[in-house]
Amino acid sequence: MIQEASFTGVIRIIFYIILISFIIRLIARIALPIVVKKAEENMRNRADNFYRSQQPPRPEGDVKVESNKKKDKREIDGEYVDYVEIKD
């Protein structure tokens, strides 16, 4: 049994495909920003919690100065100057 597609059937299928794609785009345009915003908040909260757990709590008024600069031997001993002795 072979069935042939009618012109109205083909037009109806094309119309349904366009309608479904329009509905999917509309839902994505509305829902995607909400989902991204929730994910961003979640990641920010996790990062804040991780950062807070890494630092021990300090009493109020306590000040601590941290430096990333490593002390070099030359800074402690003084500046090294390379020279050549000239004989007259």
PDB file of N, CA and C in Angstrom:
ATOM      1  N   MET A   1       0.836  -1.159   0.000  1.00  0.00           N
ATOM      2  CA  MET A   1       0.000   0.000   0.000  1.00  0.00           C
ATOM      3  C   MET A   1       0.900   1.247   0.000  1.00  0.00           C
ATOM      4  N   ILE A   2       0.816   1.995  -1.010  1.00  0.00           N
ATOM      5  CA  ILE A   2       1.611   3.201  -1.164  1.00  0.00           C
ATOM      6  C   ILE A   2       0.695   4.399  -0.995  1.00  0.00           C
ATOM      7  N   GLN A   3       1.163   5.328  -0.154  1.00  0.00           N
ATOM      8  CA  GLN A   3       0.374   6.538   0.047  1.00  0.00           C
ATOM      9  C   GLN A   3       1.137   7.720  -0.523  1.00  0.00           C
ATOM     10  N   GLU A   4       0.404   8.610  -1.119  1.00  0.00           N
ATOM     11  CA  GLU A   4       1.015   9.788  -1.689  1.00  0.00           C
ATOM     12  C   GLU A   4       0.715  10.983  -0.782  1.00  0.00           C
ATOM     13  N   ALA A   5       1.684  11.881  -0.699  1.00  0.00           N
ATOM     14  CA  ALA A   5       1.503  13.070   0.118  1.00  0.00           C
ATOM     15  C   ALA A   5       0.717  14.101  -0.673  1.00  0.00           C
ATOM     16  N   SER A   6      -0.249  14.661  -0.019  1.00  0.00           N
ATOM     17  CA  SER A   6      -1.017  15.704  -0.680  1.00  0.00           C
ATOM     18  C   SER A   6      -0.343  17.058  -0.432  1.00  0.00           C
ATOM     19  N   PHE A   7      -0.693  18.012  -1.244  1.00  0.00           N
ATOM     20  CA  PHE A   7      -0.110  19.344  -1.121  1.00  0.00           C
ATOM     21  C   PHE A   7      -0.480  19.971   0.218  1.00  0.00           C
ATOM     22  N   THR A   8      -1.715  19.819   0.636  1.00  0.00           N
ATOM     23  CA  THR A   8      -2.142  20.398   1.918  1.00  0.00           C
ATOM     24  C   THR A   8      -1.445  19.710   3.088  1.00  0.00           C
ATOM     25  N   GLY A   9      -1.161  18.432   2.989  1.00  0.00           N
ATOM     26  CA  GLY A   9      -0.439  17.718   4.038  1.00  0.00           C
ATOM     27  C   GLY A   9       0.987  18.225   4.186  1.00  0.00           C
ATOM     28  N   VAL A  10       1.661  18.485   3.068  1.00  0.00           N
ATOM     29  CA  VAL A  10       3.027  18.999   3.089  1.00  0.00           C
ATOM     30  C   VAL A  10       3.043  20.402   3.694  1.00  0.00           C
ATOM     31  N   ILE A  11       2.097  21.240   3.307  1.00  0.00           N
ATOM     32  CA  ILE A  11       1.998  22.604   3.843  1.00  0.00           C
ATOM     33  C   ILE A  11       1.726  22.551   5.350  1.00  0.00           C
ATOM     34  N   ARG A  12       0.863  21.635   5.770  1.00  0.00           N
ATOM     35  CA  ARG A  12       0.547  21.496   7.191  1.00  0.00           C
ATOM     36  C   ARG A  12       1.795  21.095   7.989  1.00  0.00           C
ATOM     37  N   ILE A  13       2.582  20.165   7.470  1.00  0.00           N
ATOM     38  CA  ILE A  13       3.803  19.733   8.156  1.00  0.00           C
ATOM     39  C   ILE A  13       4.796  20.889   8.240  1.00  0.00           C
ATOM     40  N   ILE A  14       4.979  21.647   7.178  1.00  0.00           N
ATOM     41  CA  ILE A  14       5.877  22.805   7.191  1.00  0.00           C
ATOM     42  C   ILE A  14       5.388  23.833   8.215  1.00  0.00           C
ATOM     43  N   PHE A  15       4.077  24.062   8.259  1.00  0.00           N
ATOM     44  CA  PHE A  15       3.513  24.993   9.227  1.00  0.00           C
ATOM     45  C   PHE A  15       3.785  24.526  10.660  1.00  0.00           C
ATOM     46  N   TYR A  16       3.618  23.233  10.930  1.00  0.00           N
ATOM     47  CA  TYR A  16       3.884  22.705  12.277  1.00  0.00           C
ATOM     48  C   TYR A  16       5.370  22.851  12.651  1.00  0.00           C
ATOM     49  N   ILE A  17       6.249  22.594  11.710  1.00  0.00           N
ATOM     50  CA  ILE A  17       7.689  22.727  11.975  1.00  0.00           C
ATOM     51  C   ILE A  17       8.030  24.177  12.306  1.00  0.00           C
ATOM     52  N   ILE A  18       7.506  25.120  11.534  1.00  0.00           N
ATOM     53  CA  ILE A  18       7.762  26.540  11.804  1.00  0.00           C
ATOM     54  C   ILE A  18       7.161  26.946  13.142  1.00  0.00           C
ATOM     55  N   LEU A  19       5.961  26.484  13.446  1.00  0.00           N
ATOM     56  CA  LEU A  19       5.301  26.816  14.710  1.00  0.00           C
ATOM     57  C   LEU A  19       6.081  26.259  15.903  1.00  0.00           C
ATOM     58  N   ILE A  20       6.522  25.015  15.808  1.00  0.00           N
ATOM     59  CA  ILE A  20       7.283  24.405  16.906  1.00  0.00           C
ATOM     60  C   ILE A  20       8.620  25.124  17.089  1.00  0.00           C
ATOM     61  N   SER A  21       9.312  25.469  16.010  1.00  0.00           N
ATOM     62  CA  SER A  21      10.588  26.178  16.144  1.00  0.00           C
ATOM     63  C   SER A  21      10.378  27.567  16.746  1.00  0.00           C
ATOM     64  N   PHE A  22       9.276  28.240  16.404  1.00  0.00           N
ATOM     65  CA  PHE A  22       8.974  29.540  16.984  1.00  0.00           C
ATOM     66  C   PHE A  22       8.708  29.422  18.486  1.00  0.00           C
ATOM     67  N   ILE A  23       7.976  28.412  18.895  1.00  0.00           N
ATOM     68  CA  ILE A  23       7.675  28.193  20.317  1.00  0.00           C
ATOM     69  C   ILE A  23       8.961  27.870  21.087  1.00  0.00           C
ATOM     70  N   ILE A  24       9.830  27.038  20.512  1.00  0.00           N
ATOM     71  CA  ILE A  24      11.096  26.700  21.179  1.00  0.00           C
ATOM     72  C   ILE A  24      11.961  27.947  21.320  1.00  0.00           C
ATOM     73  N   ARG A  25      12.042  28.786  20.291  1.00  0.00           N
ATOM     74  CA  ARG A  25      12.815  30.028  20.381  1.00  0.00           C
ATOM     75  C   ARG A  25      12.253  30.953  21.451  1.00  0.00           C
ATOM     76  N   LEU A  26      10.927  31.059  21.514  1.00  0.00           N
ATOM     77  CA  LEU A  26      10.293  31.927  22.497  1.00  0.00           C
ATOM     78  C   LEU A  26      10.580  31.456  23.923  1.00  0.00           C
ATOM     79  N   ILE A  27      10.463  30.169  24.140  1.00  0.00           N
ATOM     80  CA  ILE A  27      10.746  29.617  25.469  1.00  0.00           C
ATOM     81  C   ILE A  27      12.222  29.813  25.823  1.00  0.00           C
ATOM     82  N   ALA A  28      13.112  29.574  24.881  1.00  0.00           N
ATOM     83  CA  ALA A  28      14.544  29.743  25.137  1.00  0.00           C
ATOM     84  C   ALA A  28      14.876  31.202  25.428  1.00  0.00           C
ATOM     85  N   ARG A  29      14.254  32.120  24.717  1.00  0.00           N
ATOM     86  CA  ARG A  29      14.523  33.533  24.922  1.00  0.00           C
ATOM     87  C   ARG A  29      14.046  33.996  26.301  1.00  0.00           C
ATOM     88  N   ILE A  30      12.994  33.395  26.805  1.00  0.00           N
ATOM     89  CA  ILE A  30      12.474  33.768  28.126  1.00  0.00           C
ATOM     90  C   ILE A  30      13.208  33.013  29.236  1.00  0.00           C
ATOM     91  N   ALA A  31      13.408  31.726  29.068  1.00  0.00           N
ATOM     92  CA  ALA A  31      13.927  30.882  30.152  1.00  0.00           C
ATOM     93  C   ALA A  31      15.448  30.909  30.262  1.00  0.00           C
ATOM     94  N   LEU A  32      16.158  31.078  29.186  1.00  0.00           N
ATOM     95  CA  LEU A  32      17.616  31.002  29.219  1.00  0.00           C
ATOM     96  C   LEU A  32      18.251  32.062  30.116  1.00  0.00           C
ATOM     97  N   PRO A  33      17.851  33.321  30.060  1.00  0.00           N
ATOM     98  CA  PRO A  33      18.453  34.300  30.978  1.00  0.00           C
ATOM     99  C   PRO A  33      18.202  33.970  32.452  1.00  0.00           C
ATOM    100  N   ILE A  34      17.039  33.427  32.753  1.00  0.00           N
ATOM    101  CA  ILE A  34      16.736  33.061  34.139  1.00  0.00           C
ATOM    102  C   ILE A  34      17.652  31.931  34.597  1.00  0.00           C
ATOM    103  N   VAL A  35      17.842  30.934  33.769  1.00  0.00           N
ATOM    104  CA  VAL A  35      18.699  29.798  34.113  1.00  0.00           C
ATOM    105  C   VAL A  35      20.149  30.250  34.271  1.00  0.00           C
ATOM    106  N   VAL A  36      20.616  31.105  33.383  1.00  0.00           N
ATOM    107  CA  VAL A  36      22.001  31.590  33.462  1.00  0.00           C
ATOM    108  C   VAL A  36      22.199  32.426  34.719  1.00  0.00           C
ATOM    109  N   LYS A  37      21.218  33.253  35.058  1.00  0.00           N
ATOM    110  CA  LYS A  37      21.317  34.085  36.259  1.00  0.00           C
ATOM    111  C   LYS A  37      21.384  33.223  37.518  1.00  0.00           C
ATOM    112  N   LYS A  38      20.562  32.183  37.585  1.00  0.00           N
ATOM    113  CA  LYS A  38      20.583  31.273  38.738  1.00  0.00           C
ATOM    114  C   LYS A  38      21.924  30.549  38.834  1.00  0.00           C
ATOM    115  N   ALA A  39      22.460  30.107  37.713  1.00  0.00           N
ATOM    116  CA  ALA A  39      23.750  29.416  37.718  1.00  0.00           C
ATOM    117  C   ALA A  39      24.859  30.359  38.158  1.00  0.00           C
ATOM    118  N   GLU A  40      24.807  31.616  37.721  1.00  0.00           N
ATOM    119  CA  GLU A  40      25.815  32.592  38.117  1.00  0.00           C
ATOM    120  C   GLU A  40      25.752  32.857  39.625  1.00  0.00           C
ATOM    121  N   GLU A  41      24.548  33.019  40.166  1.00  0.00           N
ATOM    122  CA  GLU A  41      24.396  33.215  41.612  1.00  0.00           C
ATOM    123  C   GLU A  41      24.933  32.018  42.385  1.00  0.00           C
ATOM    124  N   ASN A  42      24.625  30.824  41.909  1.00  0.00           N
ATOM    125  CA  ASN A  42      25.081  29.605  42.572  1.00  0.00           C
ATOM    126  C   ASN A  42      26.603  29.537  42.582  1.00  0.00           C
ATOM    127  N   MET A  43      27.230  29.828  41.453  1.00  0.00           N
ATOM    128  CA  MET A  43      28.690  29.785  41.379  1.00  0.00           C
ATOM    129  C   MET A  43      29.316  30.862  42.260  1.00  0.00           C
ATOM    130  N   ARG A  44      28.717  32.056  42.295  1.00  0.00           N
ATOM    131  CA  ARG A  44      29.241  33.126  43.135  1.00  0.00           C
ATOM    132  C   ARG A  44      29.143  32.749  44.620  1.00  0.00           C
ATOM    133  N   ASN A  45      28.024  32.157  45.021  1.00  0.00           N
ATOM    134  CA  ASN A  45      27.867  31.719  46.413  1.00  0.00           C
ATOM    135  C   ASN A  45      28.882  30.640  46.776  1.00  0.00           C
ATOM    136  N   ARG A  46      29.118  29.713  45.877  1.00  0.00           N
ATOM    137  CA  ARG A  46      30.095  28.656  46.140  1.00  0.00           C
ATOM    138  C   ARG A  46      31.499  29.231  46.279  1.00  0.00           C
ATOM    139  N   ALA A  47      31.844  30.191  45.422  1.00  0.00           N
ATOM    140  CA  ALA A  47      33.166  30.813  45.486  1.00  0.00           C
ATOM    141  C   ALA A  47      33.316  31.600  46.794  1.00  0.00           C
ATOM    142  N   ASP A  48      32.271  32.323  47.193  1.00  0.00           N
ATOM    143  CA  ASP A  48      32.326  33.074  48.452  1.00  0.00           C
ATOM    144  C   ASP A  48      32.493  32.129  49.639  1.00  0.00           C
ATOM    145  N   ASN A  49      31.744  31.039  49.647  1.00  0.00           N
ATOM    146  CA  ASN A  49      31.850  30.071  50.746  1.00  0.00           C
ATOM    147  C   ASN A  49      33.238  29.442  50.786  1.00  0.00           C
ATOM    148  N   PHE A  50      33.790  29.132  49.627  1.00  0.00           N
ATOM    149  CA  PHE A  50      35.127  28.550  49.574  1.00  0.00           C
ATOM    150  C   PHE A  50      36.163  29.539  50.090  1.00  0.00           C
ATOM    151  N   TYR A  51      36.046  30.797  49.678  1.00  0.00           N
ATOM    152  CA  TYR A  51      37.002  31.822  50.092  1.00  0.00           C
ATOM    153  C   TYR A  51      36.921  32.042  51.603  1.00  0.00           C
ATOM    154  N   ARG A  52      35.713  32.077  52.125  1.00  0.00           N
ATOM    155  CA  ARG A  52      35.545  32.278  53.568  1.00  0.00           C
ATOM    156  C   ARG A  52      36.076  31.096  54.367  1.00  0.00           C
ATOM    157  N   SER A  53      35.955  29.899  53.834  1.00  0.00           N
ATOM    158  CA  SER A  53      36.430  28.725  54.570  1.00  0.00           C
ATOM    159  C   SER A  53      37.953  28.634  54.566  1.00  0.00           C
ATOM    160  N   GLN A  54      38.607  29.283  53.602  1.00  0.00           N
ATOM    161  CA  GLN A  54      40.058  29.239  53.523  1.00  0.00           C
ATOM    162  C   GLN A  54      40.724  30.189  54.518  1.00  0.00           C
ATOM    163  N   GLN A  55      40.063  31.272  54.876  1.00  0.00           N
ATOM    164  CA  GLN A  55      40.651  32.249  55.784  1.00  0.00           C
ATOM    165  C   GLN A  55      40.099  32.045  57.192  1.00  0.00           C
ATOM    166  N   PRO A  56      40.979  31.910  58.171  1.00  0.00           N
ATOM    167  CA  PRO A  56      40.484  31.786  59.539  1.00  0.00           C
ATOM    168  C   PRO A  56      39.905  33.117  60.006  1.00  0.00           C
ATOM    169  N   PRO A  57      38.847  33.075  60.801  1.00  0.00           N
ATOM    170  CA  PRO A  57      38.250  34.337  61.255  1.00  0.00           C
ATOM    171  C   PRO A  57      39.188  35.063  62.221  1.00  0.00           C
ATOM    172  N   ARG A  58      39.283  36.374  62.062  1.00  0.00           N
ATOM    173  CA  ARG A  58      40.117  37.188  62.931  1.00  0.00           C
ATOM    174  C   ARG A  58      39.221  38.049  63.808  1.00  0.00           C
ATOM    175  N   PRO A  59      39.688  38.319  65.016  1.00  0.00           N
ATOM    176  CA  PRO A  59      38.896  39.205  65.865  1.00  0.00           C
ATOM    177  C   PRO A  59      38.837  40.611  65.283  1.00  0.00           C
ATOM    178  N   GLU A  60      37.782  41.331  65.602  1.00  0.00           N
ATOM    179  CA  GLU A  60      37.600  42.670  65.064  1.00  0.00           C
ATOM    180  C   GLU A  60      38.714  43.590  65.551  1.00  0.00           C
ATOM    181  N   GLY A  61      39.270  44.375  64.663  1.00  0.00           N
ATOM    182  CA  GLY A  61      40.343  45.298  65.002  1.00  0.00           C
ATOM    183  C   GLY A  61      41.723  44.705  64.789  1.00  0.00           C
ATOM    184  N   ASP A  62      41.827  43.405  64.530  1.00  0.00           N
ATOM    185  CA  ASP A  62      43.116  42.767  64.295  1.00  0.00           C
ATOM    186  C   ASP A  62      43.567  43.072  62.870  1.00  0.00           C
ATOM    187  N   VAL A  63      44.788  43.535  62.715  1.00  0.00           N
ATOM    188  CA  VAL A  63      45.308  43.904  61.404  1.00  0.00           C
ATOM    189  C   VAL A  63      46.494  43.016  61.089  1.00  0.00           C
ATOM    190  N   LYS A  64      46.509  42.473  59.885  1.00  0.00           N
ATOM    191  CA  LYS A  64      47.612  41.626  59.451  1.00  0.00           C
ATOM    192  C   LYS A  64      48.020  42.080  58.056  1.00  0.00           C
ATOM    193  N   VAL A  65      49.296  42.378  57.892  1.00  0.00           N
ATOM    194  CA  VAL A  65      49.809  42.822  56.602  1.00  0.00           C
ATOM    195  C   VAL A  65      50.483  41.639  55.939  1.00  0.00           C
ATOM    196  N   GLU A  66      50.008  41.291  54.744  1.00  0.00           N
ATOM    197  CA  GLU A  66      50.572  40.168  53.999  1.00  0.00           C
ATOM    198  C   GLU A  66      51.247  40.714  52.763  1.00  0.00           C
ATOM    199  N   SER A  67      52.417  40.158  52.440  1.00  0.00           N
ATOM    200  CA  SER A  67      53.161  40.603  51.274  1.00  0.00           C
ATOM    201  C   SER A  67      53.491  39.391  50.411  1.00  0.00           C
ATOM    202  N   ASN A  68      53.369  39.544  49.124  1.00  0.00           N
ATOM    203  CA  ASN A  68      53.706  38.474  48.198  1.00  0.00           C
ATOM    204  C   ASN A  68      55.158  38.554  47.736  1.00  0.00           C
ATOM    205  N   LYS A  69      55.860  39.608  48.130  1.00  0.00           N
ATOM    206  CA  LYS A  69      57.233  39.814  47.705  1.00  0.00           C
ATOM    207  C   LYS A  69      58.160  38.887  48.495  1.00  0.00           C
ATOM    208  N   LYS A  70      58.934  38.112  47.778  1.00  0.00           N
ATOM    209  CA  LYS A  70      59.893  37.212  48.419  1.00  0.00           C
ATOM    210  C   LYS A  70      61.180  37.980  48.681  1.00  0.00           C
ATOM    211  N   LYS A  71      61.791  37.747  49.837  1.00  0.00           N
ATOM    212  CA  LYS A  71      63.055  38.407  50.151  1.00  0.00           C
ATOM    213  C   LYS A  71      64.174  37.685  49.421  1.00  0.00           C
ATOM    214  N   ASP A  72      64.981  38.468  48.749  1.00  0.00           N
ATOM    215  CA  ASP A  72      66.093  37.931  47.985  1.00  0.00           C
ATOM    216  C   ASP A  72      67.372  38.089  48.809  1.00  0.00           C
ATOM    217  N   LYS A  73      68.315  37.187  48.615  1.00  0.00           N
ATOM    218  CA  LYS A  73      69.564  37.235  49.366  1.00  0.00           C
ATOM    219  C   LYS A  73      70.307  38.551  49.138  1.00  0.00           C
ATOM    220  N   ARG A  74      70.266  39.040  47.897  1.00  0.00           N
ATOM    221  CA  ARG A  74      70.971  40.270  47.568  1.00  0.00           C
ATOM    222  C   ARG A  74      70.359  41.461  48.293  1.00  0.00           C
ATOM    223  N   GLU A  75      69.067  41.435  48.543  1.00  0.00           N
ATOM    224  CA  GLU A  75      68.439  42.537  49.263  1.00  0.00           C
ATOM    225  C   GLU A  75      68.888  42.564  50.723  1.00  0.00           C
ATOM    226  N   ILE A  76      69.121  41.401  51.281  1.00  0.00           N
ATOM    227  CA  ILE A  76      69.540  41.330  52.676  1.00  0.00           C
ATOM    228  C   ILE A  76      71.008  41.740  52.811  1.00  0.00           C
ATOM    229  N   ASP A  77      71.876  41.212  51.933  1.00  0.00           N
ATOM    230  CA  ASP A  77      73.312  41.464  52.018  1.00  0.00           C
ATOM    231  C   ASP A  77      73.711  42.803  51.415  1.00  0.00           C
ATOM    232  N   GLY A  78      72.894  43.414  50.655  1.00  0.00           N
ATOM    233  CA  GLY A  78      73.241  44.649  49.971  1.00  0.00           C
ATOM    234  C   GLY A  78      73.279  44.409  48.475  1.00  0.00           C
ATOM    235  N   GLU A  79      73.586  45.434  47.735  1.00  0.00           N
ATOM    236  CA  GLU A  79      73.580  45.328  46.288  1.00  0.00           C
ATOM    237  C   GLU A  79      74.935  44.818  45.791  1.00  0.00           C
ATOM    238  N   TYR A  80      74.931  43.883  44.892  1.00  0.00           N
ATOM    239  CA  TYR A  80      76.145  43.312  44.317  1.00  0.00           C
ATOM    240  C   TYR A  80      76.536  44.138  43.106  1.00  0.00           C
ATOM    241  N   VAL A  81      77.786  44.586  43.074  1.00  0.00           N
ATOM    242  CA  VAL A  81      78.283  45.374  41.945  1.00  0.00           C
ATOM    243  C   VAL A  81      79.452  44.620  41.329  1.00  0.00           C
ATOM    244  N   ASP A  82      79.330  44.346  40.052  1.00  0.00           N
ATOM    245  CA  ASP A  82      80.396  43.659  39.331  1.00  0.00           C
ATOM    246  C   ASP A  82      81.395  44.711  38.839  1.00  0.00           C
ATOM    247  N   TYR A  83      82.671  44.497  39.133  1.00  0.00           N
ATOM    248  CA  TYR A  83      83.659  45.483  38.720  1.00  0.00           C
ATOM    249  C   TYR A  83      84.905  44.776  38.213  1.00  0.00           C
ATOM    250  N   VAL A  84      85.704  45.516  37.464  1.00  0.00           N
ATOM    251  CA  VAL A  84      86.960  45.032  36.947  1.00  0.00           C
ATOM    252  C   VAL A  84      88.055  45.952  37.478  1.00  0.00           C
ATOM    253  N   GLU A  85      89.127  45.368  38.013  1.00  0.00           N
ATOM    254  CA  GLU A  85      90.210  46.156  38.560  1.00  0.00           C
ATOM    255  C   GLU A  85      91.125  46.584  37.427  1.00  0.00           C
ATOM    256  N   ILE A  86      91.417  47.878  37.361  1.00  0.00           N
ATOM    257  CA  ILE A  86      92.290  48.423  36.311  1.00  0.00           C
ATOM    258  C   ILE A  86      93.612  48.786  36.939  1.00  0.00           C
ATOM    259  N   LYS A  87      94.741  48.265  36.371  1.00  0.00           N
ATOM    260  CA  LYS A  87      96.089  48.566  36.887  1.00  0.00           C
ATOM    261  C   LYS A  87      96.697  49.652  36.000  1.00  0.00           C
ATOM    262  N   ASP A  88      97.295  50.667  36.653  1.00  0.00           N
ATOM    263  CA  ASP A  88      97.948  51.755  35.922  1.00  0.00           C
ATOM    264  C   ASP A  88      99.396  51.480  35.729  1.00  0.00           C
TER     265      ASP A  88
END
